Each structure stands twice: as C-alpha cells, then as structure tokens.
Amino acid sequence: MAVHALPWPSSQVISVSVARANRDHLALVRRRQEVQTQLTYFHVASRRGALGAKAVAARAKLEAKLAALDAELAAHCKLHPDERAPCAGVCFVTFNYHREAHACFLDLRAHPRRTLRITATSLAGTVARRASLLRRASKQAVLGTTLEVSMTLKVSVPPPPSQLIWENLQFSASTRFARRALVNAILLLQCALSTWAIVAVTNLNIADVLQDDASSAQQVGTMAWTTLVIVASNLVIFLTAPVYMTAIERDFRADHRETMLATKLLCFQLGNSFAASLSFLWTKRGGAVGFFDAAWYQQGGATTVLSMVIADIFFINPCVEGLRIFDVLPAKAALAPRALAQAQMNALHAAENPLYLPFRMQLLMKQLVYGMAWSYAFPCFYGLVLIFLAVTTTETSESPLVANVYLR
C-alpha cells in the first residue's frame, strides 16, 4: 500500500514511515539477539581457556536454537511484505523544523477529515488482513489502481523512539481498552483477596499482643507468621501486575505503561493500608464504634499506622530500594563472579529492573498520601515524610522531543 498524496506540502517533510503489524517478527528478532549474545559470551570465554563439559553442552544447545531461529526468520522473510506484516494503521511523519510540525498538528486538529490517494500494490495480502481502507473506496479494487479514500486522521505528538513499544502499534484503541479492563478486573480481585488477608492477620497480630496472658514466644511467633502473610500478599500483586501488563495489555508507550503500573500498585498499597488501619474502628474493645477515640489508638490503630510508615522509610527505602537486596545484590554476589565475559558481568551488575521506576513512583506517592492523611492524628508524620522526600528526591531531565507527529 503506497500513499501518493500527503495532506501537507511535501517539501517540509523529511520522511514518512508507515508502521507495520510485525509483532511476531520482532519477537523472533529479539529472541535471536538474546541467543546470539549468549553465544558471544561463550566465544569470549573459550578464547580465555578451555570450556568445561557443561559449558560445551550449553553452547551446543544455543547453537541449535540459533539455527532454528534463523530458519524461522528466513521462512518469515520469504512471505510478501503485506502478508508478513500488514500496515498497522499508524504513520510517523518527520518535519524539517518544529514550527512545521506544529502547523501540521494544528491543521489536522482543525480539519481531520482528509482524502488520500492510495495504490493497492498487493491486493491479496492487503484485503485479506488490513482491508478497511480499500473497502471504503471500492470492493472491486484492482492491483495498481489508485484509490481515493476519505478518512479521519488522528494526530498526536509521539514520544521519543526509545519509549515506543513498536510491536503494540498494531492494536486499536478499543482492543487496548478491553485488554486493560481485563487486567484491571483480575488485579481488583487479587487486591481484594490480598487486602482481606492483610487486614485479617493484622487484627490477629494486634489481638495477640494485647492479650495479658500471651507469652513472649507466642507473640513473636504470631508476629513472624503474620508478617510472612503480609509480605506474600504484597508480593502477589507486585509480581503479577507487571506480567499482566506485558502479556495481556498492549500499551504502545513504555512511559505510559510505567505510569499505569505505578497507579495500580499505588491503589493497592493505599487500599490495604487504609483498610488495615480503619478496621480497628469496628474491632476495638470499648469506646465508640466508628470513632477515632483513645481505644482506637491503644488497640491497634496507632501501631498499624506507624509501623507501615516506619517500615517504608527505614526498611523498604534503604534496603529494598537502596541496597537492592532482591535483584542487584544477589546478581552481584552470586551471578556476576561466574560471568563468561565482561559485558555479561556489566549487565549483571546493572541488573536493570522494569519494576524499579514504577515501584519508586508508587512508594513516593504512598508516603505523601498516607502520611498527609494521618498527620492530623500523628503530627510526627510531617517530619517522617520530609525525611523520606529528602532521601528519595532526585533531579531528572528529559530530552526534547524531535519534530515528529504520528497519525492513526
């Protein structure tokens, strides 16, 4: 499918790139790059000395896997371009100057209805898989015939290329909305179950602590297993939410996906925190039910609120986020010394984690919302939140956008 006419002067345009629905092809290329990288590590290690039997067997498996991927890619590339990767319905336009991109943006916003002249270069592949444009003009289209198609162009300023998830451009807004709704429904059910478990074990722990006849060993044991339940309930959400968003949702912007993930985690964190703290309004012994009186402070409310904030400030922030005890530290201690090449060791020391930034975002917002919400009852929260902000705040700079727009 070739576009012969643009809705703006072509002398101002550097390039026009039409995105294709090549999700499967990109997945094959990425898997091949990963396998090739692993083989490169083995090649570097073999130059330094003889490989062991296990390393030789692992290299042979990688070579067989690489050959299979090459064969699959070769078969995929033999298909016609329109059959292999039809048009995704998105077009990227690069202009000479920002003012020209801005003028095009304003013009298309004011007059989105345009007529394009399109040539059907491959009727079989185009009509079979992405025929919406051709059906609007003529159902009797012939190869090489130029068709005039009237359509509405939606224009937006694109993110930097590094923030685009190219394989997801082929999915429509309605498909992404439906998939996002499915993920939200699954996470809502998981959050409800996890919040119920956290509230239940928190009340059991406080009830055991308040018992006069409970021994120290019993209290420590109850605290230990209830803490494990709370940690597990949180981990279920933090580990499955990124998987759902990657495997089910089809967001084509990496920065938007990170923001949405942080929002989901924040809602869960605030939900279980407030639920656990407010539950003592009805489970306390004595006092007025549903009121923040002395009984609420003494029978679990104050302990629950303070423990959550203090744990985030003095354990999560320095240990989980500072020392990175769950990803960077194990990689440096256990995996990096056994690296086959310096590049592999560097990657293990870096330990890039796509969950890191969303987790930081939700933790910061949780402290702000949770700390400010309870500051009337616990004035010390003003100082604690200030400490947290002083430790976590960093300067960031974003590179300027290039003079691009993309059309859908």
Foldseek 3Di string as FASTA:
>chain_A
DDWDDDPDDPVFWDDKDFAWQQLVLVVLVVVLVVLVVVLVLLVLLVVVHNDDPVSVVVNVVSVVVNVVSVVVNVVLVVDDCLQSINTLQKMKIAGPDQVVLVVVQVVCVVPQKDKIWDAAQDCVSCCVPPCPQVVQFDPPDDHGDITIGIDGKDKDFDDPPVFFQRNLSSDDPVQLVVLVVVLVVVLVVLLVVLLVLLLVLLLVLLVLVPDPPRDPVRSVVSVVVSVVSNVVSLVVNLVVSVVSCVVRHRDGGNVVSLVVSLVSSLVSVVVSLVCNLQVCLQVFDDDDRPDPDPRSCVRRNVVSLVVVLCCCQPPCVCPCLNVVVPQQVCLQPPPLVVRSDPVVNVCSNVRDDSSNVSVLVSSLVNLVVSLVVCCVVPVCSVVSNVSSCVSSDDDDDDDDRHSMMMID
